[in-house]
Amino acid sequence: AGRAESGHRMTVRQYLDAVLEEWRQQYPHARLAAHI
């Protein structure tokens, strides 16, 4: 049962940036060191 917002093409960097931005909003106090 796919979701409407799934399945669009992105560069890997744009995708990772979006994933990390959304996750940081959910875990604002976590320290994340990203090496990309």
PDB file of all heavy atoms in Angstrom:
ATOM      1  N   ALA A   1       0.855  -1.181   0.000  1.00  0.00           N
ATOM      2  CA  ALA A   1       0.000   0.000   0.000  1.00  0.00           C
ATOM      3  C   ALA A   1       0.889   1.227   0.000  1.00  0.00           C
ATOM      4  O   ALA A   1       1.084   1.872   1.008  1.00  0.00           O
ATOM      5  CB  ALA A   1      -0.910  -0.004   1.231  1.00  0.00           C
ATOM      6  N   GLY A   2       1.482   1.555  -1.153  1.00  0.00           N
ATOM      7  CA  GLY A   2       2.421   2.665  -1.269  1.00  0.00           C
ATOM      8  C   GLY A   2       1.813   3.987  -0.882  1.00  0.00           C
ATOM      9  O   GLY A   2       0.613   4.169  -0.897  1.00  0.00           O
ATOM     10  N   ARG A   3       2.660   4.917  -0.514  1.00  0.00           N
ATOM     11  CA  ARG A   3       2.196   6.222  -0.097  1.00  0.00           C
ATOM     12  C   ARG A   3       2.369   7.202  -1.241  1.00  0.00           C
ATOM     13  O   ARG A   3       3.259   7.090  -2.063  1.00  0.00           O
ATOM     14  CB  ARG A   3       2.988   6.682   1.117  1.00  0.00           C
ATOM     15  CG  ARG A   3       2.911   5.667   2.258  1.00  0.00           C
ATOM     16  CD  ARG A   3       3.662   6.160   3.428  1.00  0.00           C
ATOM     17  NE  ARG A   3       2.723   6.971   4.197  1.00  0.00           N
ATOM     18  CZ  ARG A   3       3.086   7.791   5.144  1.00  0.00           C
ATOM     19  NH1 ARG A   3       4.334   7.953   5.444  1.00  0.00           N
ATOM     20  NH2 ARG A   3       2.184   8.490   5.809  1.00  0.00           N
ATOM     21  N   ALA A   4       1.541   8.220  -1.265  1.00  0.00           N
ATOM     22  CA  ALA A   4       1.541   9.194  -2.353  1.00  0.00           C
ATOM     23  C   ALA A   4       2.869   9.934  -2.452  1.00  0.00           C
ATOM     24  O   ALA A   4       3.315  10.275  -3.540  1.00  0.00           O
ATOM     25  CB  ALA A   4       0.396  10.187  -2.159  1.00  0.00           C
ATOM     26  N   GLU A   5       3.519  10.165  -1.310  1.00  0.00           N
ATOM     27  CA  GLU A   5       4.749  10.957  -1.367  1.00  0.00           C
ATOM     28  C   GLU A   5       5.985  10.116  -1.653  1.00  0.00           C
ATOM     29  O   GLU A   5       7.090  10.632  -1.681  1.00  0.00           O
ATOM     30  CB  GLU A   5       4.934  11.744  -0.053  1.00  0.00           C
ATOM     31  CG  GLU A   5       5.288  10.896   1.140  1.00  0.00           C
ATOM     32  CD  GLU A   5       4.075  10.423   1.930  1.00  0.00           C
ATOM     33  OE1 GLU A   5       2.961  10.407   1.397  1.00  0.00           O
ATOM     34  OE2 GLU A   5       4.267  10.044   3.089  1.00  0.00           O
ATOM     35  N   SER A   6       5.833   8.815  -1.856  1.00  0.00           N
ATOM     36  CA  SER A   6       7.006   7.981  -2.078  1.00  0.00           C
ATOM     37  C   SER A   6       7.317   7.877  -3.561  1.00  0.00           C
ATOM     38  O   SER A   6       6.468   8.092  -4.411  1.00  0.00           O
ATOM     39  CB  SER A   6       6.774   6.587  -1.481  1.00  0.00           C
ATOM     40  OG  SER A   6       5.795   5.915  -2.210  1.00  0.00           O
ATOM     41  N   GLY A   7       8.556   7.524  -3.826  1.00  0.00           N
ATOM     42  CA  GLY A   7       8.912   7.164  -5.172  1.00  0.00           C
ATOM     43  C   GLY A   7       9.456   8.233  -6.084  1.00  0.00           C
ATOM     44  O   GLY A   7       9.524   7.996  -7.274  1.00  0.00           O
ATOM     45  N   HIS A   8       9.877   9.379  -5.595  1.00  0.00           N
ATOM     46  CA  HIS A   8      10.428  10.366  -6.514  1.00  0.00           C
ATOM     47  C   HIS A   8      11.959  10.315  -6.526  1.00  0.00           C
ATOM     48  O   HIS A   8      12.589   9.907  -5.568  1.00  0.00           O
ATOM     49  CB  HIS A   8       9.909  11.773  -6.201  1.00  0.00           C
ATOM     50  CG  HIS A   8      10.245  12.266  -4.830  1.00  0.00           C
ATOM     51  ND1 HIS A   8       9.566  11.862  -3.705  1.00  0.00           N
ATOM     52  CD2 HIS A   8      11.206  13.120  -4.418  1.00  0.00           C
ATOM     53  CE1 HIS A   8      10.096  12.450  -2.646  1.00  0.00           C
ATOM     54  NE2 HIS A   8      11.093  13.205  -3.049  1.00  0.00           N
ATOM     55  N   ARG A   9      12.531  10.705  -7.647  1.00  0.00           N
ATOM     56  CA  ARG A   9      13.987  10.682  -7.840  1.00  0.00           C
ATOM     57  C   ARG A   9      14.632  11.893  -7.173  1.00  0.00           C
ATOM     58  O   ARG A   9      14.113  12.998  -7.253  1.00  0.00           O
ATOM     59  CB  ARG A   9      14.321  10.727  -9.324  1.00  0.00           C
ATOM     60  CG  ARG A   9      13.871   9.522 -10.102  1.00  0.00           C
ATOM     61  CD  ARG A   9      13.977   9.763 -11.597  1.00  0.00           C
ATOM     62  NE  ARG A   9      15.295  10.199 -11.993  1.00  0.00           N
ATOM     63  CZ  ARG A   9      16.199   9.457 -12.621  1.00  0.00           C
ATOM     64  NH1 ARG A   9      15.875   8.223 -12.960  1.00  0.00           N
ATOM     65  NH2 ARG A   9      17.363   9.917 -12.951  1.00  0.00           N
ATOM     66  N   MET A  10      15.773  11.653  -6.544  1.00  0.00           N
ATOM     67  CA  MET A  10      16.568  12.728  -5.944  1.00  0.00           C
ATOM     68  C   MET A  10      18.034  12.336  -6.064  1.00  0.00           C
ATOM     69  O   MET A  10      18.354  11.154  -6.150  1.00  0.00           O
ATOM     70  CB  MET A  10      16.255  12.902  -4.449  1.00  0.00           C
ATOM     71  CG  MET A  10      14.883  13.400  -4.114  1.00  0.00           C
ATOM     72  SD  MET A  10      14.642  13.526  -2.307  1.00  0.00           S
ATOM     73  CE  MET A  10      15.391  15.116  -1.978  1.00  0.00           C
ATOM     74  N   THR A  11      18.914  13.343  -6.019  1.00  0.00           N
ATOM     75  CA  THR A  11      20.317  12.982  -5.905  1.00  0.00           C
ATOM     76  C   THR A  11      20.514  12.398  -4.510  1.00  0.00           C
ATOM     77  O   THR A  11      19.753  12.701  -3.577  1.00  0.00           O
ATOM     78  CB  THR A  11      21.270  14.185  -6.093  1.00  0.00           C
ATOM     79  OG1 THR A  11      21.099  15.094  -5.002  1.00  0.00           O
ATOM     80  CG2 THR A  11      21.047  14.873  -7.433  1.00  0.00           C
ATOM     81  N   VAL A  12      21.520  11.559  -4.373  1.00  0.00           N
ATOM     82  CA  VAL A  12      21.780  10.920  -3.087  1.00  0.00           C
ATOM     83  C   VAL A  12      22.009  11.986  -2.020  1.00  0.00           C
ATOM     84  O   VAL A  12      21.467  11.893  -0.914  1.00  0.00           O
ATOM     85  CB  VAL A  12      22.977   9.953  -3.181  1.00  0.00           C
ATOM     86  CG1 VAL A  12      23.362   9.424  -1.816  1.00  0.00           C
ATOM     87  CG2 VAL A  12      22.659   8.812  -4.136  1.00  0.00           C
ATOM     88  N   ARG A  13      22.778  13.013  -2.338  1.00  0.00           N
ATOM     89  CA  ARG A  13      23.074  14.060  -1.353  1.00  0.00           C
ATOM     90  C   ARG A  13      21.804  14.783  -0.915  1.00  0.00           C
ATOM     91  O   ARG A  13      21.589  15.005   0.277  1.00  0.00           O
ATOM     92  CB  ARG A  13      24.092  15.054  -1.922  1.00  0.00           C
ATOM     93  CG  ARG A  13      24.475  16.161  -0.963  1.00  0.00           C
ATOM     94  CD  ARG A  13      25.080  15.558   0.305  1.00  0.00           C
ATOM     95  NE  ARG A  13      25.235  16.510   1.362  1.00  0.00           N
ATOM     96  CZ  ARG A  13      26.402  16.828   1.908  1.00  0.00           C
ATOM     97  NH1 ARG A  13      27.514  16.279   1.477  1.00  0.00           N
ATOM     98  NH2 ARG A  13      26.454  17.689   2.880  1.00  0.00           N
ATOM     99  N   GLN A  14      20.943  15.145  -1.855  1.00  0.00           N
ATOM    100  CA  GLN A  14      19.689  15.812  -1.491  1.00  0.00           C
ATOM    101  C   GLN A  14      18.838  14.911  -0.602  1.00  0.00           C
ATOM    102  O   GLN A  14      18.237  15.374   0.369  1.00  0.00           O
ATOM    103  CB  GLN A  14      18.893  16.183  -2.749  1.00  0.00           C
ATOM    104  CG  GLN A  14      19.492  17.300  -3.554  1.00  0.00           C
ATOM    105  CD  GLN A  14      18.774  17.463  -4.891  1.00  0.00           C
ATOM    106  OE1 GLN A  14      18.239  16.510  -5.467  1.00  0.00           O
ATOM    107  NE2 GLN A  14      18.770  18.685  -5.402  1.00  0.00           N
ATOM    108  N   TYR A  15      18.788  13.644  -0.945  1.00  0.00           N
ATOM    109  CA  TYR A  15      17.996  12.702  -0.158  1.00  0.00           C
ATOM    110  C   TYR A  15      18.536  12.582   1.262  1.00  0.00           C
ATOM    111  O   TYR A  15      17.785  12.682   2.237  1.00  0.00           O
ATOM    112  CB  TYR A  15      17.951  11.333  -0.843  1.00  0.00           C
ATOM    113  CG  TYR A  15      17.216  10.304  -0.023  1.00  0.00           C
ATOM    114  CD1 TYR A  15      15.840  10.407   0.174  1.00  0.00           C
ATOM    115  CD2 TYR A  15      17.894   9.254   0.570  1.00  0.00           C
ATOM    116  CE1 TYR A  15      15.155   9.475   0.940  1.00  0.00           C
ATOM    117  CE2 TYR A  15      17.218   8.315   1.336  1.00  0.00           C
ATOM    118  CZ  TYR A  15      15.859   8.434   1.528  1.00  0.00           C
ATOM    119  OH  TYR A  15      15.191   7.526   2.298  1.00  0.00           O
ATOM    120  N   LEU A  16      19.841  12.372   1.392  1.00  0.00           N
ATOM    121  CA  LEU A  16      20.429  12.242   2.726  1.00  0.00           C
ATOM    122  C   LEU A  16      20.227  13.510   3.542  1.00  0.00           C
ATOM    123  O   LEU A  16      19.913  13.447   4.737  1.00  0.00           O
ATOM    124  CB  LEU A  16      21.907  11.885   2.628  1.00  0.00           C
ATOM    125  CG  LEU A  16      22.219  10.481   2.119  1.00  0.00           C
ATOM    126  CD1 LEU A  16      23.720  10.286   1.979  1.00  0.00           C
ATOM    127  CD2 LEU A  16      21.609   9.414   3.022  1.00  0.00           C
ATOM    128  N   ASP A  17      20.401  14.673   2.917  1.00  0.00           N
ATOM    129  CA  ASP A  17      20.172  15.933   3.626  1.00  0.00           C
ATOM    130  C   ASP A  17      18.739  16.021   4.131  1.00  0.00           C
ATOM    131  O   ASP A  17      18.494  16.434   5.268  1.00  0.00           O
ATOM    132  CB  ASP A  17      20.494  17.137   2.729  1.00  0.00           C
ATOM    133  CG  ASP A  17      21.990  17.340   2.517  1.00  0.00           C
ATOM    134  OD1 ASP A  17      22.804  16.744   3.254  1.00  0.00           O
ATOM    135  OD2 ASP A  17      22.341  18.100   1.590  1.00  0.00           O
ATOM    136  N   ALA A  18      17.778  15.616   3.306  1.00  0.00           N
ATOM    137  CA  ALA A  18      16.357  15.661   3.701  1.00  0.00           C
ATOM    138  C   ALA A  18      16.076  14.672   4.835  1.00  0.00           C
ATOM    139  O   ALA A  18      15.372  15.003   5.796  1.00  0.00           O
ATOM    140  CB  ALA A  18      15.466  15.368   2.494  1.00  0.00           C
ATOM    141  N   VAL A  19      16.625  13.467   4.739  1.00  0.00           N
ATOM    142  CA  VAL A  19      16.440  12.455   5.785  1.00  0.00           C
ATOM    143  C   VAL A  19      16.988  12.966   7.108  1.00  0.00           C
ATOM    144  O   VAL A  19      16.323  12.884   8.148  1.00  0.00           O
ATOM    145  CB  VAL A  19      17.127  11.118   5.402  1.00  0.00           C
ATOM    146  CG1 VAL A  19      17.223  10.177   6.593  1.00  0.00           C
ATOM    147  CG2 VAL A  19      16.388  10.456   4.257  1.00  0.00           C
ATOM    148  N   LEU A  20      18.197  13.520   7.084  1.00  0.00           N
ATOM    149  CA  LEU A  20      18.829  13.985   8.317  1.00  0.00           C
ATOM    150  C   LEU A  20      18.118  15.207   8.894  1.00  0.00           C
ATOM    151  O   LEU A  20      17.959  15.316  10.113  1.00  0.00           O
ATOM    152  CB  LEU A  20      20.308  14.287   8.078  1.00  0.00           C
ATOM    153  CG  LEU A  20      21.160  13.056   7.731  1.00  0.00           C
ATOM    154  CD1 LEU A  20      22.595  13.458   7.481  1.00  0.00           C
ATOM    155  CD2 LEU A  20      21.061  12.003   8.814  1.00  0.00           C
ATOM    156  N   GLU A  21      17.661  16.102   8.047  1.00  0.00           N
ATOM    157  CA  GLU A  21      16.935  17.282   8.534  1.00  0.00           C
ATOM    158  C   GLU A  21      15.646  16.862   9.242  1.00  0.00           C
ATOM    159  O   GLU A  21      15.339  17.335  10.340  1.00  0.00           O
ATOM    160  CB  GLU A  21      16.614  18.224   7.382  1.00  0.00           C
ATOM    161  CG  GLU A  21      15.878  19.476   7.818  1.00  0.00           C
ATOM    162  CD  GLU A  21      15.567  20.397   6.653  1.00  0.00           C
ATOM    163  OE1 GLU A  21      16.267  20.353   5.625  1.00  0.00           O
ATOM    164  OE2 GLU A  21      14.599  21.161   6.782  1.00  0.00           O
ATOM    165  N   GLU A  22      14.906  15.957   8.633  1.00  0.00           N
ATOM    166  CA  GLU A  22      13.654  15.483   9.238  1.00  0.00           C
ATOM    167  C   GLU A  22      13.934  14.752  10.542  1.00  0.00           C
ATOM    168  O   GLU A  22      13.239  14.949  11.546  1.00  0.00           O
ATOM    169  CB  GLU A  22      12.939  14.569   8.247  1.00  0.00           C
ATOM    170  CG  GLU A  22      11.572  14.108   8.706  1.00  0.00           C
ATOM    171  CD  GLU A  22      10.889  13.234   7.663  1.00  0.00           C
ATOM    172  OE1 GLU A  22      10.960  13.540   6.457  1.00  0.00           O
ATOM    173  OE2 GLU A  22      10.282  12.230   8.070  1.00  0.00           O
ATOM    174  N   TRP A  23      14.971  13.907  10.562  1.00  0.00           N
ATOM    175  CA  TRP A  23      15.298  13.157  11.770  1.00  0.00           C
ATOM    176  C   TRP A  23      15.737  14.096  12.885  1.00  0.00           C
ATOM    177  O   TRP A  23      15.343  13.924  14.042  1.00  0.00           O
ATOM    178  CB  TRP A  23      16.375  12.112  11.487  1.00  0.00           C
ATOM    179  CG  TRP A  23      16.678  11.305  12.713  1.00  0.00           C
ATOM    180  CD1 TRP A  23      15.956  10.253  13.205  1.00  0.00           C
ATOM    181  CD2 TRP A  23      17.754  11.505  13.625  1.00  0.00           C
ATOM    182  NE1 TRP A  23      16.523   9.789  14.372  1.00  0.00           N
ATOM    183  CE2 TRP A  23      17.626  10.544  14.644  1.00  0.00           C
ATOM    184  CE3 TRP A  23      18.820  12.410  13.680  1.00  0.00           C
ATOM    185  CZ2 TRP A  23      18.527  10.456  15.714  1.00  0.00           C
ATOM    186  CZ3 TRP A  23      19.708  12.327  14.729  1.00  0.00           C
ATOM    187  CH2 TRP A  23      19.563  11.354  15.735  1.00  0.00           C
ATOM    188  N   ARG A  24      16.531  15.094  12.562  1.00  0.00           N
ATOM    189  CA  ARG A  24      16.986  16.051  13.587  1.00  0.00           C
ATOM    190  C   ARG A  24      15.819  16.807  14.202  1.00  0.00           C
ATOM    191  O   ARG A  24      15.879  17.201  15.363  1.00  0.00           O
ATOM    192  CB  ARG A  24      18.005  17.014  12.990  1.00  0.00           C
ATOM    193  CG  ARG A  24      19.379  16.387  12.838  1.00  0.00           C
ATOM    194  CD  ARG A  24      20.385  17.363  12.256  1.00  0.00           C
ATOM    195  NE  ARG A  24      21.721  16.843  12.315  1.00  0.00           N
ATOM    196  CZ  ARG A  24      22.547  16.792  11.281  1.00  0.00           C
ATOM    197  NH1 ARG A  24      22.157  17.242  10.092  1.00  0.00           N
ATOM    198  NH2 ARG A  24      23.754  16.300  11.422  1.00  0.00           N
ATOM    199  N   GLN A  25      14.765  17.036  13.452  1.00  0.00           N
ATOM    200  CA  GLN A  25      13.573  17.679  14.013  1.00  0.00           C
ATOM    201  C   GLN A  25      12.897  16.763  15.031  1.00  0.00           C
ATOM    202  O   GLN A  25      12.336  17.232  16.007  1.00  0.00           O
ATOM    203  CB  GLN A  25      12.592  18.061  12.906  1.00  0.00           C
ATOM    204  CG  GLN A  25      13.091  19.202  12.052  1.00  0.00           C
ATOM    205  CD  GLN A  25      12.189  19.487  10.869  1.00  0.00           C
ATOM    206  OE1 GLN A  25      11.139  18.875  10.707  1.00  0.00           O
ATOM    207  NE2 GLN A  25      12.603  20.421  10.022  1.00  0.00           N
ATOM    208  N   GLN A  26      12.958  15.459  14.801  1.00  0.00           N
ATOM    209  CA  GLN A  26      12.358  14.494  15.727  1.00  0.00           C
ATOM    210  C   GLN A  26      13.244  14.243  16.944  1.00  0.00           C
ATOM    211  O   GLN A  26      12.752  13.897  18.007  1.00  0.00           O
ATOM    212  CB  GLN A  26      12.088  13.170  15.020  1.00  0.00           C
ATOM    213  CG  GLN A  26      11.047  13.258  13.939  1.00  0.00           C
ATOM    214  CD  GLN A  26      10.913  11.961  13.162  1.00  0.00           C
ATOM    215  OE1 GLN A  26      11.489  10.942  13.511  1.00  0.00           O
ATOM    216  NE2 GLN A  26      10.143  12.001  12.092  1.00  0.00           N
ATOM    217  N   TYR A  27      14.553  14.371  16.773  1.00  0.00           N
ATOM    218  CA  TYR A  27      15.535  14.145  17.842  1.00  0.00           C
ATOM    219  C   TYR A  27      16.425  15.382  17.988  1.00  0.00           C
ATOM    220  O   TYR A  27      17.625  15.314  17.748  1.00  0.00           O
ATOM    221  CB  TYR A  27      16.399  12.923  17.513  1.00  0.00           C
ATOM    222  CG  TYR A  27      15.817  11.621  17.963  1.00  0.00           C
ATOM    223  CD1 TYR A  27      14.776  11.018  17.274  1.00  0.00           C
ATOM    224  CD2 TYR A  27      16.298  10.982  19.103  1.00  0.00           C
ATOM    225  CE1 TYR A  27      14.233   9.816  17.699  1.00  0.00           C
ATOM    226  CE2 TYR A  27      15.763   9.784  19.533  1.00  0.00           C
ATOM    227  CZ  TYR A  27      14.738   9.206  18.826  1.00  0.00           C
ATOM    228  OH  TYR A  27      14.202   8.021  19.251  1.00  0.00           O
ATOM    229  N   PRO A  28      15.861  16.509  18.400  1.00  0.00           N
ATOM    230  CA  PRO A  28      16.641  17.751  18.423  1.00  0.00           C
ATOM    231  C   PRO A  28      17.803  17.749  19.419  1.00  0.00           C
ATOM    232  O   PRO A  28      18.760  18.504  19.245  1.00  0.00           O
ATOM    233  CB  PRO A  28      15.605  18.819  18.788  1.00  0.00           C
ATOM    234  CG  PRO A  28      14.517  18.079  19.487  1.00  0.00           C
ATOM    235  CD  PRO A  28      14.489  16.713  18.867  1.00  0.00           C
ATOM    236  N   HIS A  29      17.747  16.901  20.439  1.00  0.00           N
ATOM    237  CA  HIS A  29      18.807  16.906  21.443  1.00  0.00           C
ATOM    238  C   HIS A  29      19.903  15.880  21.170  1.00  0.00           C
ATOM    239  O   HIS A  29      20.909  15.847  21.873  1.00  0.00           O
ATOM    240  CB  HIS A  29      18.214  16.692  22.831  1.00  0.00           C
ATOM    241  CG  HIS A  29      17.205  17.748  23.190  1.00  0.00           C
ATOM    242  ND1 HIS A  29      17.536  19.068  23.337  1.00  0.00           N
ATOM    243  CD2 HIS A  29      15.871  17.666  23.372  1.00  0.00           C
ATOM    244  CE1 HIS A  29      16.449  19.762  23.623  1.00  0.00           C
ATOM    245  NE2 HIS A  29      15.420  18.936  23.643  1.00  0.00           N
ATOM    246  N   ALA A  30      19.723  15.051  20.156  1.00  0.00           N
ATOM    247  CA  ALA A  30      20.728  14.035  19.827  1.00  0.00           C
ATOM    248  C   ALA A  30      21.901  14.699  19.100  1.00  0.00           C
ATOM    249  O   ALA A  30      21.715  15.595  18.286  1.00  0.00           O
ATOM    250  CB  ALA A  30      20.113  12.955  18.956  1.00  0.00           C
ATOM    251  N   ARG A  31      23.090  14.227  19.424  1.00  0.00           N
ATOM    252  CA  ARG A  31      24.280  14.706  18.714  1.00  0.00           C
ATOM    253  C   ARG A  31      24.580  13.740  17.581  1.00  0.00           C
ATOM    254  O   ARG A  31      24.824  12.564  17.813  1.00  0.00           O
ATOM    255  CB  ARG A  31      25.474  14.778  19.661  1.00  0.00           C
ATOM    256  CG  ARG A  31      25.379  15.961  20.614  1.00  0.00           C
ATOM    257  CD  ARG A  31      26.658  16.182  21.398  1.00  0.00           C
ATOM    258  NE  ARG A  31      27.807  16.252  20.510  1.00  0.00           N
ATOM    259  CZ  ARG A  31      29.000  15.758  20.839  1.00  0.00           C
ATOM    260  NH1 ARG A  31      29.211  15.164  21.977  1.00  0.00           N
ATOM    261  NH2 ARG A  31      30.004  15.847  19.984  1.00  0.00           N
ATOM    262  N   LEU A  32      24.557  14.267  16.364  1.00  0.00           N
ATOM    263  CA  LEU A  32      24.829  13.454  15.187  1.00  0.00           C
ATOM    264  C   LEU A  32      26.006  14.052  14.443  1.00  0.00           C
ATOM    265  O   LEU A  32      25.970  15.218  14.051  1.00  0.00           O
ATOM    266  CB  LEU A  32      23.609  13.401  14.263  1.00  0.00           C
ATOM    267  CG  LEU A  32      23.807  12.663  12.944  1.00  0.00           C
ATOM    268  CD1 LEU A  32      24.021  11.174  13.196  1.00  0.00           C
ATOM    269  CD2 LEU A  32      22.619  12.882  12.029  1.00  0.00           C
ATOM    270  N   ALA A  33      27.043  13.257  14.266  1.00  0.00           N
ATOM    271  CA  ALA A  33      28.188  13.662  13.458  1.00  0.00           C
ATOM    272  C   ALA A  33      28.036  12.975  12.106  1.00  0.00           C
ATOM    273  O   ALA A  33      28.121  11.753  12.019  1.00  0.00           O
ATOM    274  CB  ALA A  33      29.494  13.246  14.133  1.00  0.00           C
ATOM    275  N   ALA A  34      27.766  13.758  11.078  1.00  0.00           N
ATOM    276  CA  ALA A  34      27.562  13.193   9.740  1.00  0.00           C
ATOM    277  C   ALA A  34      28.801  13.427   8.891  1.00  0.00           C
ATOM    278  O   ALA A  34      29.270  14.555   8.771  1.00  0.00           O
ATOM    279  CB  ALA A  34      26.337  13.826   9.088  1.00  0.00           C
ATOM    280  N   HIS A  35      29.321  12.351   8.323  1.00  0.00           N
ATOM    281  CA  HIS A  35      30.482  12.402   7.439  1.00  0.00           C
ATOM    282  C   HIS A  35      30.005  11.916   6.071  1.00  0.00           C
ATOM    283  O   HIS A  35      29.879  10.706   5.847  1.00  0.00           O
ATOM    284  CB  HIS A  35      31.610  11.521   7.966  1.00  0.00           C
ATOM    285  CG  HIS A  35      31.988  11.824   9.383  1.00  0.00           C
ATOM    286  ND1 HIS A  35      32.723  12.937   9.736  1.00  0.00           N
ATOM    287  CD2 HIS A  35      31.681  11.184  10.533  1.00  0.00           C
ATOM    288  CE1 HIS A  35      32.887  12.958  11.045  1.00  0.00           C
ATOM    289  NE2 HIS A  35      32.260  11.907  11.559  1.00  0.00           N
ATOM    290  N   ILE A  36      29.712  12.865   5.200  1.00  0.00           N
ATOM    291  CA  ILE A  36      29.136  12.533   3.902  1.00  0.00           C
ATOM    292  C   ILE A  36      30.109  12.946   2.805  1.00  0.00           C
ATOM    293  O   ILE A  36      30.442  14.122   2.675  1.00  0.00           O
ATOM    294  CB  ILE A  36      27.776  13.237   3.708  1.00  0.00           C
ATOM    295  CG1 ILE A  36      26.810  12.791   4.812  1.00  0.00           C
ATOM    296  CG2 ILE A  36      27.205  12.947   2.328  1.00  0.00           C
ATOM    297  CD1 ILE A  36      25.476  13.500   4.810  1.00  0.00           C
TER     298      ILE A  36
END
